[in-house]
Amino acid sequence: MQTLSGCDGITVNTIHHSKGLEFKVVFLTNVNEGKVPYQAHKRQTNSSERLLEDDVIDGRAKFYVGISRAKWLLIVMHNFK
């Protein structure tokens, strides 16, 4: 993989910062219910209240951005509880 500096390597981004970019291989980690993509909402409200429908739609859109960055291979990892 070519990085912005022109050297081969790995790029680590948030989903938000990867918008508009494409990569051959994308790893999405910690994809668990209530974490990705809703973690930012819970952190901002600092509560365990139910998500609003608009929050769910926004979270799905952000998750789609994450999965659509992969040109060749997408690996989605989650934890078993």
C-alpha atoms as a PDB file:
ATOM      1  CA  MET A   1       0.000   0.000   0.000  1.00  0.00           C
ATOM      2  CA  GLN A   2       1.305   3.496  -0.837  1.00  0.00           C
ATOM      3  CA  THR A   3       0.884   6.071   1.897  1.00  0.00           C
ATOM      4  CA  LEU A   4       0.599   9.818   1.389  1.00  0.00           C
ATOM      5  CA  SER A   5       4.337  10.117   2.022  1.00  0.00           C
ATOM      6  CA  GLY A   6       5.000   7.715  -0.855  1.00  0.00           C
ATOM      7  CA  CYS A   7       6.358   4.966   1.416  1.00  0.00           C
ATOM      8  CA  ASP A   8       4.814   1.542   1.677  1.00  0.00           C
ATOM      9  CA  GLY A   9       2.958   1.073   4.925  1.00  0.00           C
ATOM     10  CA  ILE A  10      -0.291   0.979   6.814  1.00  0.00           C
ATOM     11  CA  THR A  11      -2.687   3.891   7.219  1.00  0.00           C
ATOM     12  CA  VAL A  12      -4.765   4.083  10.391  1.00  0.00           C
ATOM     13  CA  ASN A  13      -7.845   6.308  10.122  1.00  0.00           C
ATOM     14  CA  THR A  14     -11.190   6.822  11.724  1.00  0.00           C
ATOM     15  CA  ILE A  15     -14.225   6.134   9.553  1.00  0.00           C
ATOM     16  CA  HIS A  16     -14.880   9.857   9.442  1.00  0.00           C
ATOM     17  CA  HIS A  17     -11.377  10.690   8.186  1.00  0.00           C
ATOM     18  CA  SER A  18     -11.448   7.948   5.544  1.00  0.00           C
ATOM     19  CA  LYS A  19     -14.408   9.509   3.730  1.00  0.00           C
ATOM     20  CA  GLY A  20     -13.528  10.026   0.070  1.00  0.00           C
ATOM     21  CA  LEU A  21     -10.485   7.720   0.212  1.00  0.00           C
ATOM     22  CA  GLU A  22     -10.102   4.167  -1.091  1.00  0.00           C
ATOM     23  CA  PHE A  23      -7.803   1.393   0.074  1.00  0.00           C
ATOM     24  CA  LYS A  24      -7.062  -2.077  -1.285  1.00  0.00           C
ATOM     25  CA  VAL A  25      -7.666  -3.663   2.118  1.00  0.00           C
ATOM     26  CA  VAL A  26      -9.779  -2.291   4.983  1.00  0.00           C
ATOM     27  CA  PHE A  27      -9.985  -3.659   8.529  1.00  0.00           C
ATOM     28  CA  LEU A  28     -12.924  -2.512  10.636  1.00  0.00           C
ATOM     29  CA  THR A  29     -12.330  -3.422  14.267  1.00  0.00           C
ATOM     30  CA  ASN A  30     -14.551  -3.494  17.342  1.00  0.00           C
ATOM     31  CA  VAL A  31     -17.724  -3.727  15.258  1.00  0.00           C
ATOM     32  CA  ASN A  32     -20.102  -4.617  18.070  1.00  0.00           C
ATOM     33  CA  GLU A  33     -23.679  -3.642  18.743  1.00  0.00           C
ATOM     34  CA  GLY A  34     -23.624  -0.389  20.671  1.00  0.00           C
ATOM     35  CA  LYS A  35     -20.011   0.400  19.751  1.00  0.00           C
ATOM     36  CA  VAL A  36     -19.665   0.943  16.033  1.00  0.00           C
ATOM     37  CA  PRO A  37     -21.162   3.088  14.695  1.00  0.00           C
ATOM     38  CA  TYR A  38     -23.086   4.407  17.722  1.00  0.00           C
ATOM     39  CA  GLN A  39     -20.161   4.925  20.102  1.00  0.00           C
ATOM     40  CA  ALA A  40     -19.808   8.640  19.323  1.00  0.00           C
ATOM     41  CA  HIS A  41     -23.467   9.263  20.202  1.00  0.00           C
ATOM     42  CA  LYS A  42     -23.202   7.516  23.558  1.00  0.00           C
ATOM     43  CA  ARG A  43     -19.950   9.310  24.371  1.00  0.00           C
ATOM     44  CA  GLN A  44     -21.501  12.699  23.555  1.00  0.00           C
ATOM     45  CA  THR A  45     -24.656  12.140  25.604  1.00  0.00           C
ATOM     46  CA  ASN A  46     -22.837  10.166  28.339  1.00  0.00           C
ATOM     47  CA  SER A  47     -25.962   8.121  28.970  1.00  0.00           C
ATOM     48  CA  SER A  48     -27.520   4.787  28.201  1.00  0.00           C
ATOM     49  CA  GLU A  49     -30.713   6.228  26.718  1.00  0.00           C
ATOM     50  CA  ARG A  50     -32.157   4.653  23.584  1.00  0.00           C
ATOM     51  CA  LEU A  51     -30.932   5.966  20.273  1.00  0.00           C
ATOM     52  CA  LEU A  52     -33.256   8.030  18.156  1.00  0.00           C
ATOM     53  CA  GLU A  53     -34.101   6.830  14.641  1.00  0.00           C
ATOM     54  CA  ASP A  54     -32.037   9.700  13.167  1.00  0.00           C
ATOM     55  CA  ASP A  55     -29.007   8.530  15.183  1.00  0.00           C
ATOM     56  CA  VAL A  56     -29.410   4.998  13.844  1.00  0.00           C
ATOM     57  CA  ILE A  57     -29.696   6.258  10.254  1.00  0.00           C
ATOM     58  CA  ASP A  58     -26.618   8.463  10.715  1.00  0.00           C
ATOM     59  CA  GLY A  59     -24.713   5.543  12.231  1.00  0.00           C
ATOM     60  CA  ARG A  60     -25.621   3.273   9.326  1.00  0.00           C
ATOM     61  CA  ALA A  61     -24.452   5.907   6.860  1.00  0.00           C
ATOM     62  CA  LYS A  62     -21.095   6.201   8.643  1.00  0.00           C
ATOM     63  CA  PHE A  63     -20.736   2.419   8.744  1.00  0.00           C
ATOM     64  CA  TYR A  64     -21.421   2.309   5.002  1.00  0.00           C
ATOM     65  CA  VAL A  65     -18.613   4.833   4.482  1.00  0.00           C
ATOM     66  CA  GLY A  66     -16.303   2.468   6.382  1.00  0.00           C
ATOM     67  CA  ILE A  67     -17.198  -0.663   4.444  1.00  0.00           C
ATOM     68  CA  SER A  68     -17.195   1.063   1.064  1.00  0.00           C
ATOM     69  CA  ARG A  69     -13.548   2.205   1.406  1.00  0.00           C
ATOM     70  CA  ALA A  70     -12.299  -1.290   0.491  1.00  0.00           C
ATOM     71  CA  LYS A  71     -11.437  -1.862  -3.172  1.00  0.00           C
ATOM     72  CA  TRP A  72     -10.312  -5.484  -2.858  1.00  0.00           C
ATOM     73  CA  LEU A  73     -10.789  -6.905   0.651  1.00  0.00           C
ATOM     74  CA  LEU A  74     -12.893  -5.940   3.673  1.00  0.00           C
ATOM     75  CA  ILE A  75     -12.294  -7.585   7.047  1.00  0.00           C
ATOM     76  CA  VAL A  76     -14.849  -6.867   9.780  1.00  0.00           C
ATOM     77  CA  MET A  77     -13.854  -7.943  13.307  1.00  0.00           C
ATOM     78  CA  HIS A  78     -16.031  -8.131  16.416  1.00  0.00           C
ATOM     79  CA  ASN A  79     -15.819  -9.551  19.925  1.00  0.00           C
ATOM     80  CA  PHE A  80     -17.811 -12.505  21.147  1.00  0.00           C
ATOM     81  CA  LYS A  81     -19.294 -11.975  24.586  1.00  0.00           C
END
